[in-house]
Amino acid sequence: MKAVPEFGGGSSSKLTEGQKEELREMLKEKDFWTTKEVQELIEAKFGLFLFLAGKENSKIFWE
């Protein structure tokens, strides 16, 4: 029997727990963020490029 991953599926997060907490705090600085703004914030702060696929930007991929 295969082991079940502890996350919801897909690839694991590229951000550490500390980085995710830092991102949460940064996102509290504004009431509303566009997907593009979050994408640019993650790239500038953490050096990870997030690109979106699909007509409604419903899928998120990391490079």
N, C-alpha and C. Protein backbone atom coordinates (compact mmCIF):
# COMPACT_ATOMS: atom_id res chain seq x y z
N MET A 1 0.84 -1.17 0.00
CA MET A 1 0.00 0.00 0.00
C MET A 1 0.90 1.24 0.00
N LYS A 2 0.57 2.20 -0.85
CA LYS A 2 1.34 3.44 -0.93
C LYS A 2 1.00 4.35 0.24
N ALA A 3 2.01 5.09 0.69
CA ALA A 3 1.79 6.06 1.76
C ALA A 3 1.02 7.26 1.20
N VAL A 4 0.13 7.79 1.97
CA VAL A 4 -0.65 8.96 1.57
C VAL A 4 0.13 10.21 1.99
N PRO A 5 0.33 11.17 1.07
CA PRO A 5 1.05 12.38 1.45
C PRO A 5 0.29 13.17 2.51
N GLU A 6 1.02 13.94 3.30
CA GLU A 6 0.40 14.73 4.36
C GLU A 6 -0.24 16.01 3.84
N PHE A 7 0.03 16.37 2.59
CA PHE A 7 -0.56 17.56 2.01
C PHE A 7 -1.69 17.14 1.09
N GLY A 8 -2.43 18.09 0.55
CA GLY A 8 -3.63 17.81 -0.21
C GLY A 8 -3.41 17.24 -1.60
N GLY A 9 -2.21 16.97 -1.99
CA GLY A 9 -1.91 16.45 -3.30
C GLY A 9 -1.10 17.44 -4.10
N GLY A 10 -0.69 17.07 -5.28
CA GLY A 10 0.15 17.95 -6.09
C GLY A 10 1.55 18.03 -5.50
N SER A 11 2.32 18.97 -5.99
CA SER A 11 3.68 19.10 -5.48
C SER A 11 3.67 19.82 -4.14
N SER A 12 4.71 19.60 -3.37
CA SER A 12 4.78 20.24 -2.06
C SER A 12 5.11 21.72 -2.21
N SER A 13 4.88 22.46 -1.17
CA SER A 13 5.10 23.90 -1.19
C SER A 13 6.57 24.23 -1.40
N LYS A 14 6.83 25.26 -2.16
CA LYS A 14 8.19 25.74 -2.38
C LYS A 14 8.61 26.71 -1.27
N LEU A 15 7.64 27.19 -0.50
CA LEU A 15 7.93 28.09 0.60
C LEU A 15 8.08 27.31 1.90
N THR A 16 9.02 27.73 2.73
CA THR A 16 9.16 27.13 4.05
C THR A 16 8.00 27.61 4.92
N GLU A 17 7.82 26.98 6.07
CA GLU A 17 6.77 27.43 6.99
C GLU A 17 7.01 28.88 7.41
N GLY A 18 8.26 29.25 7.64
CA GLY A 18 8.58 30.63 8.00
C GLY A 18 8.24 31.61 6.90
N GLN A 19 8.52 31.24 5.65
CA GLN A 19 8.20 32.10 4.52
C GLN A 19 6.69 32.24 4.35
N LYS A 20 5.95 31.15 4.57
CA LYS A 20 4.49 31.22 4.46
C LYS A 20 3.93 32.16 5.52
N GLU A 21 4.48 32.10 6.73
CA GLU A 21 4.01 33.00 7.79
C GLU A 21 4.35 34.45 7.43
N GLU A 22 5.55 34.67 6.89
CA GLU A 22 5.96 36.01 6.47
C GLU A 22 5.03 36.53 5.38
N LEU A 23 4.66 35.67 4.43
CA LEU A 23 3.75 36.05 3.37
C LEU A 23 2.37 36.40 3.93
N ARG A 24 1.89 35.59 4.87
CA ARG A 24 0.59 35.88 5.49
C ARG A 24 0.59 37.28 6.11
N GLU A 25 1.67 37.61 6.81
CA GLU A 25 1.77 38.93 7.44
C GLU A 25 1.81 40.05 6.40
N MET A 26 2.56 39.83 5.31
CA MET A 26 2.63 40.84 4.24
C MET A 26 1.26 41.05 3.60
N LEU A 27 0.50 39.97 3.43
CA LEU A 27 -0.80 40.07 2.79
C LEU A 27 -1.82 40.82 3.66
N LYS A 28 -1.56 40.92 4.94
CA LYS A 28 -2.45 41.66 5.84
C LYS A 28 -2.32 43.17 5.66
N GLU A 29 -1.29 43.61 4.93
CA GLU A 29 -1.05 45.04 4.73
C GLU A 29 -2.11 45.71 3.86
N LYS A 30 -2.83 44.92 3.08
CA LYS A 30 -3.89 45.46 2.21
C LYS A 30 -5.14 44.62 2.37
N ASP A 31 -6.29 45.21 2.10
CA ASP A 31 -7.55 44.47 2.17
C ASP A 31 -7.77 43.60 0.95
N PHE A 32 -7.23 44.00 -0.20
CA PHE A 32 -7.47 43.28 -1.45
C PHE A 32 -6.18 43.18 -2.24
N TRP A 33 -5.88 41.99 -2.71
CA TRP A 33 -4.70 41.76 -3.56
C TRP A 33 -5.17 41.10 -4.85
N THR A 34 -4.64 41.55 -5.98
CA THR A 34 -4.90 40.83 -7.23
C THR A 34 -3.95 39.65 -7.28
N THR A 35 -4.29 38.68 -8.11
CA THR A 35 -3.42 37.53 -8.29
C THR A 35 -2.06 37.98 -8.79
N LYS A 36 -2.05 38.94 -9.70
CA LYS A 36 -0.81 39.47 -10.26
C LYS A 36 0.05 40.10 -9.17
N GLU A 37 -0.56 40.84 -8.26
CA GLU A 37 0.19 41.47 -7.18
C GLU A 37 0.83 40.41 -6.26
N VAL A 38 0.09 39.38 -5.95
CA VAL A 38 0.63 38.31 -5.10
C VAL A 38 1.76 37.61 -5.83
N GLN A 39 1.58 37.35 -7.11
CA GLN A 39 2.61 36.73 -7.93
C GLN A 39 3.90 37.56 -7.88
N GLU A 40 3.77 38.86 -8.07
CA GLU A 40 4.94 39.74 -8.07
C GLU A 40 5.58 39.83 -6.69
N LEU A 41 4.77 39.83 -5.65
CA LEU A 41 5.27 39.87 -4.28
C LEU A 41 6.10 38.63 -3.96
N ILE A 42 5.59 37.47 -4.31
CA ILE A 42 6.30 36.21 -4.06
C ILE A 42 7.61 36.17 -4.83
N GLU A 43 7.59 36.62 -6.07
CA GLU A 43 8.81 36.62 -6.87
C GLU A 43 9.84 37.58 -6.29
N ALA A 44 9.41 38.79 -5.91
CA ALA A 44 10.34 39.80 -5.39
C ALA A 44 10.91 39.39 -4.02
N LYS A 45 10.07 38.87 -3.16
CA LYS A 45 10.48 38.57 -1.78
C LYS A 45 11.21 37.24 -1.65
N PHE A 46 10.74 36.22 -2.38
CA PHE A 46 11.25 34.87 -2.18
C PHE A 46 11.99 34.30 -3.39
N GLY A 47 11.99 35.03 -4.50
CA GLY A 47 12.70 34.56 -5.68
C GLY A 47 12.06 33.37 -6.37
N LEU A 48 10.77 33.15 -6.12
CA LEU A 48 10.05 32.06 -6.76
C LEU A 48 9.09 32.64 -7.79
N PHE A 49 9.14 32.09 -9.00
CA PHE A 49 8.25 32.56 -10.04
C PHE A 49 7.00 31.69 -10.05
N LEU A 50 5.88 32.33 -9.88
CA LEU A 50 4.58 31.67 -9.89
C LEU A 50 3.90 32.01 -11.19
N PHE A 51 3.54 31.01 -11.97
CA PHE A 51 2.80 31.33 -13.19
C PHE A 51 1.47 30.62 -13.18
N LEU A 52 0.51 31.24 -13.81
CA LEU A 52 -0.87 30.78 -13.77
C LEU A 52 -1.28 30.25 -15.13
N ALA A 53 -2.12 29.23 -15.12
CA ALA A 53 -2.59 28.63 -16.36
C ALA A 53 -4.12 28.57 -16.33
N GLY A 54 -4.70 28.62 -17.48
CA GLY A 54 -6.15 28.52 -17.56
C GLY A 54 -6.78 29.89 -17.75
N LYS A 55 -7.97 29.88 -18.33
CA LYS A 55 -8.66 31.13 -18.63
C LYS A 55 -8.95 31.94 -17.37
N GLU A 56 -9.24 31.28 -16.30
CA GLU A 56 -9.62 31.99 -15.08
C GLU A 56 -8.51 31.98 -14.04
N ASN A 57 -7.28 31.69 -14.47
CA ASN A 57 -6.15 31.61 -13.55
C ASN A 57 -6.45 30.68 -12.38
N SER A 58 -7.11 29.58 -12.67
CA SER A 58 -7.52 28.67 -11.61
C SER A 58 -6.42 27.69 -11.20
N LYS A 59 -5.40 27.55 -12.01
CA LYS A 59 -4.31 26.64 -11.68
C LYS A 59 -3.04 27.42 -11.45
N ILE A 60 -2.32 27.06 -10.42
CA ILE A 60 -1.08 27.76 -10.06
C ILE A 60 0.08 26.77 -10.16
N PHE A 61 1.14 27.20 -10.79
CA PHE A 61 2.33 26.37 -10.95
C PHE A 61 3.55 27.15 -10.48
N TRP A 62 4.53 26.44 -9.99
CA TRP A 62 5.79 27.04 -9.53
C TRP A 62 6.92 26.61 -10.43
N GLU A 63 7.88 27.49 -10.65
CA GLU A 63 9.12 27.12 -11.35
C GLU A 63 10.27 27.32 -10.41
